[in-house]
């Protein structure tokens, strides 16, 4: 189950980072004052969240099942 958790965390981190970038681009296209939407703290938190999810996903160690080659059956 751990490889799925690892892949899920990395994927979630990438989704958060990409959606943060796209949301920032959308807000800039709207030509709205940035102070009214207060997007800077949201960007900082989103980037930190995405980066931490990716790092946690990379830190999870998967168990490799090693079967002995000289097993007596």
PDB file of N, CA and C in Angstrom:
ATOM      1  N   UNK A   1       0.810  -1.188   0.000  1.00  0.00           N
ATOM      2  CA  UNK A   1       0.000   0.000   0.000  1.00  0.00           C
ATOM      3  C   UNK A   1       0.864   1.267   0.000  1.00  0.00           C
ATOM      4  N   UNK A   2       2.073   1.182   0.517  1.00  0.00           N
ATOM      5  CA  UNK A   2       2.914   2.374   0.601  1.00  0.00           C
ATOM      6  C   UNK A   2       3.292   2.964  -0.752  1.00  0.00           C
ATOM      7  N   UNK A   3       3.523   2.169  -1.801  1.00  0.00           N
ATOM      8  CA  UNK A   3       3.810   2.830  -3.086  1.00  0.00           C
ATOM      9  C   UNK A   3       2.653   3.693  -3.571  1.00  0.00           C
ATOM     10  N   UNK A   4       1.409   3.271  -3.271  1.00  0.00           N
ATOM     11  CA  UNK A   4       0.256   4.056  -3.672  1.00  0.00           C
ATOM     12  C   UNK A   4       0.168   5.349  -2.869  1.00  0.00           C
ATOM     13  N   UNK A   5       0.492   5.268  -1.583  1.00  0.00           N
ATOM     14  CA  UNK A   5       0.487   6.462  -0.750  1.00  0.00           C
ATOM     15  C   UNK A   5       1.568   7.421  -1.214  1.00  0.00           C
ATOM     16  N   UNK A   6       2.731   6.896  -1.510  1.00  0.00           N
ATOM     17  CA  UNK A   6       3.847   7.721  -1.984  1.00  0.00           C
ATOM     18  C   UNK A   6       3.481   8.417  -3.288  1.00  0.00           C
ATOM     19  N   UNK A   7       2.946   7.677  -4.231  1.00  0.00           N
ATOM     20  CA  UNK A   7       2.554   8.263  -5.513  1.00  0.00           C
ATOM     21  C   UNK A   7       1.415   9.259  -5.333  1.00  0.00           C
ATOM     22  N   UNK A   8       0.500   8.969  -4.423  1.00  0.00           N
ATOM     23  CA  UNK A   8      -0.615   9.875  -4.172  1.00  0.00           C
ATOM     24  C   UNK A   8      -0.160  11.195  -3.579  1.00  0.00           C
ATOM     25  N   UNK A   9       0.780  11.152  -2.645  1.00  0.00           N
ATOM     26  CA  UNK A   9       1.285  12.385  -2.042  1.00  0.00           C
ATOM     27  C   UNK A   9       2.042  13.236  -3.045  1.00  0.00           C
ATOM     28  N   UNK A  10       2.850  12.582  -3.870  1.00  0.00           N
ATOM     29  CA  UNK A  10       3.602  13.328  -4.886  1.00  0.00           C
ATOM     30  C   UNK A  10       2.644  13.944  -5.903  1.00  0.00           C
ATOM     31  N   UNK A  11       1.629  13.184  -6.318  1.00  0.00           N
ATOM     32  CA  UNK A  11       0.648  13.697  -7.271  1.00  0.00           C
ATOM     33  C   UNK A  11      -0.144  14.852  -6.674  1.00  0.00           C
ATOM     34  N   UNK A  12      -0.536  14.716  -5.409  1.00  0.00           N
ATOM     35  CA  UNK A  12      -1.284  15.799  -4.753  1.00  0.00           C
ATOM     36  C   UNK A  12      -0.433  17.060  -4.655  1.00  0.00           C
ATOM     37  N   UNK A  13       0.847  16.910  -4.352  1.00  0.00           N
ATOM     38  CA  UNK A  13       1.734  18.064  -4.293  1.00  0.00           C
ATOM     39  C   UNK A  13       1.860  18.753  -5.634  1.00  0.00           C
ATOM     40  N   UNK A  14       1.982  17.964  -6.688  1.00  0.00           N
ATOM     41  CA  UNK A  14       2.078  18.550  -8.032  1.00  0.00           C
ATOM     42  C   UNK A  14       0.785  19.256  -8.422  1.00  0.00           C
ATOM     43  N   UNK A  15      -0.364  18.666  -8.063  1.00  0.00           N
ATOM     44  CA  UNK A  15      -1.650  19.292  -8.372  1.00  0.00           C
ATOM     45  C   UNK A  15      -1.787  20.619  -7.649  1.00  0.00           C
ATOM     46  N   UNK A  16      -1.367  20.664  -6.384  1.00  0.00           N
ATOM     47  CA  UNK A  16      -1.444  21.913  -5.619  1.00  0.00           C
ATOM     48  C   UNK A  16      -0.552  22.975  -6.241  1.00  0.00           C
ATOM     49  N   UNK A  17       0.666  22.609  -6.630  1.00  0.00           N
ATOM     50  CA  UNK A  17       1.576  23.588  -7.230  1.00  0.00           C
ATOM     51  C   UNK A  17       1.067  24.098  -8.572  1.00  0.00           C
ATOM     52  N   UNK A  18       0.562  23.199  -9.405  1.00  0.00           N
ATOM     53  CA  UNK A  18       0.066  23.606 -10.721  1.00  0.00           C
ATOM     54  C   UNK A  18      -1.188  24.462 -10.588  1.00  0.00           C
ATOM     55  N   UNK A  19      -2.096  24.079  -9.689  1.00  0.00           N
ATOM     56  CA  UNK A  19      -3.313  24.875  -9.530  1.00  0.00           C
ATOM     57  C   UNK A  19      -3.001  26.248  -8.941  1.00  0.00           C
ATOM     58  N   UNK A  20      -2.003  26.329  -8.070  1.00  0.00           N
ATOM     59  CA  UNK A  20      -1.601  27.628  -7.535  1.00  0.00           C
ATOM     60  C   UNK A  20      -1.063  28.521  -8.648  1.00  0.00           C
ATOM     61  N   UNK A  21      -0.250  27.967  -9.513  1.00  0.00           N
ATOM     62  CA  UNK A  21       0.298  28.736 -10.636  1.00  0.00           C
ATOM     63  C   UNK A  21      -0.821  29.210 -11.556  1.00  0.00           C
ATOM     64  N   UNK A  22      -1.748  28.303 -11.895  1.00  0.00           N
ATOM     65  CA  UNK A  22      -2.835  28.673 -12.796  1.00  0.00           C
ATOM     66  C   UNK A  22      -3.762  29.702 -12.165  1.00  0.00           C
ATOM     67  N   UNK A  23      -4.016  29.589 -10.873  1.00  0.00           N
ATOM     68  CA  UNK A  23      -4.847  30.571 -10.182  1.00  0.00           C
ATOM     69  C   UNK A  23      -4.176  31.936 -10.168  1.00  0.00           C
ATOM     70  N   UNK A  24      -2.871  31.966  -9.973  1.00  0.00           N
ATOM     71  CA  UNK A  24      -2.139  33.229 -10.015  1.00  0.00           C
ATOM     72  C   UNK A  24      -2.195  33.876 -11.390  1.00  0.00           C
ATOM     73  N   UNK A  25      -2.066  33.065 -12.424  1.00  0.00           N
ATOM     74  CA  UNK A  25      -2.146  33.598 -13.783  1.00  0.00           C
ATOM     75  C   UNK A  25      -3.553  34.134 -14.066  1.00  0.00           C
ATOM     76  N   UNK A  26      -4.569  33.450 -13.578  1.00  0.00           N
ATOM     77  CA  UNK A  26      -5.950  33.881 -13.788  1.00  0.00           C
ATOM     78  C   UNK A  26      -6.224  35.211 -13.094  1.00  0.00           C
ATOM     79  N   UNK A  27      -5.723  35.359 -11.878  1.00  0.00           N
ATOM     80  CA  UNK A  27      -5.934  36.599 -11.133  1.00  0.00           C
ATOM     81  C   UNK A  27      -5.222  37.759 -11.822  1.00  0.00           C
ATOM     82  N   UNK A  28      -4.041  37.512 -12.368  1.00  0.00           N
ATOM     83  CA  UNK A  28      -3.334  38.580 -13.083  1.00  0.00           C
ATOM     84  C   UNK A  28      -4.064  38.984 -14.362  1.00  0.00           C
ATOM     85  N   UNK A  29      -4.732  38.033 -15.012  1.00  0.00           N
ATOM     86  CA  UNK A  29      -5.481  38.361 -16.221  1.00  0.00           C
ATOM     87  C   UNK A  29      -6.733  39.171 -15.922  1.00  0.00           C
ATOM     88  N   UNK A  30      -7.261  39.034 -14.727  1.00  0.00           N
ATOM     89  CA  UNK A  30      -8.486  39.750 -14.388  1.00  0.00           C
ATOM     90  C   UNK A  30      -8.266  41.249 -14.227  1.00  0.00           C
ATOM     91  N   UNK A  31      -7.010  41.655 -14.104  1.00  0.00           N
ATOM     92  CA  UNK A  31      -6.656  43.056 -13.889  1.00  0.00           C
ATOM     93  C   UNK A  31      -7.317  43.624 -12.637  1.00  0.00           C
ATOM     94  N   UNK A  32      -7.380  42.799 -11.626  1.00  0.00           N
ATOM     95  CA  UNK A  32      -7.949  43.230 -10.353  1.00  0.00           C
ATOM     96  C   UNK A  32      -6.782  43.580  -9.442  1.00  0.00           C
ATOM     97  N   UNK A  33      -6.989  44.509  -8.561  1.00  0.00           N
ATOM     98  CA  UNK A  33      -5.938  44.857  -7.620  1.00  0.00           C
ATOM     99  C   UNK A  33      -5.639  43.656  -6.747  1.00  0.00           C
ATOM    100  N   UNK A  34      -4.356  43.370  -6.559  1.00  0.00           N
ATOM    101  CA  UNK A  34      -3.968  42.198  -5.787  1.00  0.00           C
ATOM    102  C   UNK A  34      -4.299  42.365  -4.310  1.00  0.00           C
ATOM    103  N   UNK A  35      -4.353  43.622  -3.838  1.00  0.00           N
ATOM    104  CA  UNK A  35      -4.663  43.827  -2.425  1.00  0.00           C
ATOM    105  C   UNK A  35      -6.099  43.444  -2.113  1.00  0.00           C
ATOM    106  N   UNK A  36      -6.991  43.595  -3.086  1.00  0.00           N
ATOM    107  CA  UNK A  36      -8.396  43.281  -2.825  1.00  0.00           C
ATOM    108  C   UNK A  36      -8.603  41.777  -2.666  1.00  0.00           C
ATOM    109  N   UNK A  37      -7.866  40.975  -3.404  1.00  0.00           N
ATOM    110  CA  UNK A  37      -8.005  39.523  -3.279  1.00  0.00           C
ATOM    111  C   UNK A  37      -7.035  38.942  -2.263  1.00  0.00           C
ATOM    112  N   UNK A  38      -5.994  39.680  -1.931  1.00  0.00           N
ATOM    113  CA  UNK A  38      -4.999  39.251  -0.949  1.00  0.00           C
ATOM    114  C   UNK A  38      -4.436  37.879  -1.309  1.00  0.00           C
ATOM    115  N   UNK A  39      -3.864  37.766  -2.506  1.00  0.00           N
ATOM    116  CA  UNK A  39      -3.404  36.487  -3.030  1.00  0.00           C
ATOM    117  C   UNK A  39      -2.009  36.095  -2.551  1.00  0.00           C
ATOM    118  N   UNK A  40      -1.223  37.041  -2.057  1.00  0.00           N
ATOM    119  CA  UNK A  40       0.143  36.709  -1.672  1.00  0.00           C
ATOM    120  C   UNK A  40       0.213  35.659  -0.558  1.00  0.00           C
ATOM    121  N   UNK A  41      -0.522  35.787   0.543  1.00  0.00           N
ATOM    122  CA  UNK A  41      -0.465  34.724   1.562  1.00  0.00           C
ATOM    123  C   UNK A  41      -0.986  33.388   1.046  1.00  0.00           C
ATOM    124  N   UNK A  42      -1.983  33.437   0.172  1.00  0.00           N
ATOM    125  CA  UNK A  42      -2.522  32.195  -0.386  1.00  0.00           C
ATOM    126  C   UNK A  42      -1.470  31.505  -1.242  1.00  0.00           C
ATOM    127  N   UNK A  43      -0.715  32.269  -2.031  1.00  0.00           N
ATOM    128  CA  UNK A  43       0.352  31.688  -2.850  1.00  0.00           C
ATOM    129  C   UNK A  43       1.439  31.073  -1.980  1.00  0.00           C
ATOM    130  N   UNK A  44       1.821  31.769  -0.944  1.00  0.00           N
ATOM    131  CA  UNK A  44       2.889  31.263  -0.075  1.00  0.00           C
ATOM    132  C   UNK A  44       2.469  29.962   0.587  1.00  0.00           C
ATOM    133  N   UNK A  45       1.258  29.932   1.129  1.00  0.00           N
ATOM    134  CA  UNK A  45       0.772  28.725   1.806  1.00  0.00           C
ATOM    135  C   UNK A  45       0.614  27.582   0.819  1.00  0.00           C
ATOM    136  N   UNK A  46       0.106  27.867  -0.374  1.00  0.00           N
ATOM    137  CA  UNK A  46      -0.095  26.810  -1.370  1.00  0.00           C
ATOM    138  C   UNK A  46       1.226  26.222  -1.846  1.00  0.00           C
ATOM    139  N   UNK A  47       2.213  27.068  -2.075  1.00  0.00           N
ATOM    140  CA  UNK A  47       3.516  26.564  -2.524  1.00  0.00           C
ATOM    141  C   UNK A  47       4.163  25.736  -1.416  1.00  0.00           C
ATOM    142  N   UNK A  48       4.072  26.202  -0.187  1.00  0.00           N
ATOM    143  CA  UNK A  48       4.635  25.425   0.927  1.00  0.00           C
ATOM    144  C   UNK A  48       3.910  24.095   1.103  1.00  0.00           C
ATOM    145  N   UNK A  49       2.591  24.100   0.952  1.00  0.00           N
ATOM    146  CA  UNK A  49       1.820  22.866   1.069  1.00  0.00           C
ATOM    147  C   UNK A  49       2.197  21.876  -0.031  1.00  0.00           C
ATOM    148  N   UNK A  50       2.275  22.355  -1.270  1.00  0.00           N
ATOM    149  CA  UNK A  50       2.640  21.475  -2.377  1.00  0.00           C
ATOM    150  C   UNK A  50       4.040  20.917  -2.227  1.00  0.00           C
ATOM    151  N   UNK A  51       4.978  21.768  -1.826  1.00  0.00           N
ATOM    152  CA  UNK A  51       6.355  21.306  -1.645  1.00  0.00           C
ATOM    153  C   UNK A  51       6.459  20.312  -0.497  1.00  0.00           C
ATOM    154  N   UNK A  52       5.726  20.541   0.576  1.00  0.00           N
ATOM    155  CA  UNK A  52       5.796  19.607   1.701  1.00  0.00           C
ATOM    156  C   UNK A  52       5.165  18.267   1.352  1.00  0.00           C
ATOM    157  N   UNK A  53       4.088  18.276   0.573  1.00  0.00           N
ATOM    158  CA  UNK A  53       3.492  17.002   0.145  1.00  0.00           C
ATOM    159  C   UNK A  53       4.452  16.204  -0.729  1.00  0.00           C
ATOM    160  N   UNK A  54       5.141  16.886  -1.626  1.00  0.00           N
ATOM    161  CA  UNK A  54       6.099  16.195  -2.486  1.00  0.00           C
ATOM    162  C   UNK A  54       7.255  15.652  -1.660  1.00  0.00           C
ATOM    163  N   UNK A  55       7.768  16.447  -0.728  1.00  0.00           N
ATOM    164  CA  UNK A  55       8.882  15.980   0.104  1.00  0.00           C
ATOM    165  C   UNK A  55       8.490  14.807   0.989  1.00  0.00           C
ATOM    166  N   UNK A  56       7.297  14.852   1.562  1.00  0.00           N
ATOM    167  CA  UNK A  56       6.839  13.724   2.378  1.00  0.00           C
ATOM    168  C   UNK A  56       6.692  12.479   1.520  1.00  0.00           C
ATOM    169  N   UNK A  57       6.163  12.661   0.307  1.00  0.00           N
ATOM    170  CA  UNK A  57       6.025  11.524  -0.601  1.00  0.00           C
ATOM    171  C   UNK A  57       7.361  10.928  -0.995  1.00  0.00           C
ATOM    172  N   UNK A  58       8.367  11.767  -1.148  1.00  0.00           N
ATOM    173  CA  UNK A  58       9.687  11.255  -1.517  1.00  0.00           C
ATOM    174  C   UNK A  58      10.393  10.604  -0.332  1.00  0.00           C
ATOM    175  N   UNK A  59      10.051  11.009   0.886  1.00  0.00           N
ATOM    176  CA  UNK A  59      10.719  10.472   2.067  1.00  0.00           C
ATOM    177  C   UNK A  59      10.172   9.106   2.492  1.00  0.00           C
ATOM    178  N   UNK A  60       8.972   8.766   2.054  1.00  0.00           N
ATOM    179  CA  UNK A  60       8.395   7.469   2.425  1.00  0.00           C
ATOM    180  C   UNK A  60       9.208   6.369   1.763  1.00  0.00           C
ATOM    181  N   UNK A  61       9.634   5.439   2.571  1.00  0.00           N
ATOM    182  CA  UNK A  61      10.430   4.325   2.043  1.00  0.00           C
ATOM    183  C   UNK A  61       9.504   3.149   1.783  1.00  0.00           C
ATOM    184  N   UNK A  62       9.657   2.552   0.612  1.00  0.00           N
ATOM    185  CA  UNK A  62       8.842   1.395   0.270  1.00  0.00           C
ATOM    186  C   UNK A  62       9.616   0.134   0.605  1.00  0.00           C
ATOM    187  N   UNK A  63       8.882  -0.842   1.078  1.00  0.00           N
ATOM    188  CA  UNK A  63       9.511  -2.120   1.407  1.00  0.00           C
ATOM    189  C   UNK A  63       9.601  -2.961   0.133  1.00  0.00           C
ATOM    190  N   UNK A  64      10.783  -3.455  -0.118  1.00  0.00           N
ATOM    191  CA  UNK A  64      10.971  -4.353  -1.244  1.00  0.00           C
ATOM    192  C   UNK A  64      11.005  -5.769  -0.695  1.00  0.00           C
ATOM    193  N   UNK A  65      10.109  -6.577  -1.204  1.00  0.00           N
ATOM    194  CA  UNK A  65      10.072  -7.959  -0.746  1.00  0.00           C
ATOM    195  C   UNK A  65      11.170  -8.741  -1.459  1.00  0.00           C
ATOM    196  N   UNK A  66      12.131  -9.194  -0.693  1.00  0.00           N
ATOM    197  CA  UNK A  66      13.259  -9.929  -1.249  1.00  0.00           C
ATOM    198  C   UNK A  66      13.073 -11.400  -0.889  1.00  0.00           C
ATOM    199  N   UNK A  67      12.974 -12.204  -1.918  1.00  0.00           N
ATOM    200  CA  UNK A  67      12.836 -13.636  -1.692  1.00  0.00           C
ATOM    201  C   UNK A  67      14.225 -14.268  -1.755  1.00  0.00           C
ATOM    202  N   UNK A  68      14.532 -15.101  -0.793  1.00  0.00           N
ATOM    203  CA  UNK A  68      15.838 -15.763  -0.834  1.00  0.00           C
ATOM    204  C   UNK A  68      15.954 -16.689  -2.044  1.00  0.00           C
ATOM    205  N   UNK A  69      17.100 -16.639  -2.683  1.00  0.00           N
ATOM    206  CA  UNK A  69      17.287 -17.448  -3.887  1.00  0.00           C
ATOM    207  C   UNK A  69      17.512 -18.920  -3.545  1.00  0.00           C
ATOM    208  N   UNK A  70      18.130 -19.208  -2.432  1.00  0.00           N
ATOM    209  CA  UNK A  70      18.441 -20.578  -2.059  1.00  0.00           C
ATOM    210  C   UNK A  70      17.485 -21.085  -0.991  1.00  0.00           C
ATOM    211  N   UNK A  71      16.217 -20.924  -1.222  1.00  0.00           N
ATOM    212  CA  UNK A  71      15.244 -21.368  -0.217  1.00  0.00           C
ATOM    213  C   UNK A  71      14.972 -22.863  -0.409  1.00  0.00           C
ATOM    214  N   UNK A  72      14.950 -23.576   0.689  1.00  0.00           N
ATOM    215  CA  UNK A  72      14.674 -25.013   0.639  1.00  0.00           C
ATOM    216  C   UNK A  72      13.170 -25.217   0.709  1.00  0.00           C
ATOM    217  N   UNK A  73      12.664 -25.921  -0.268  1.00  0.00           N
ATOM    218  CA  UNK A  73      11.209 -26.165  -0.300  1.00  0.00           C
ATOM    219  C   UNK A  73      10.929 -27.634  -0.204  1.00  0.00           C
TER     220      UNK A  73
END
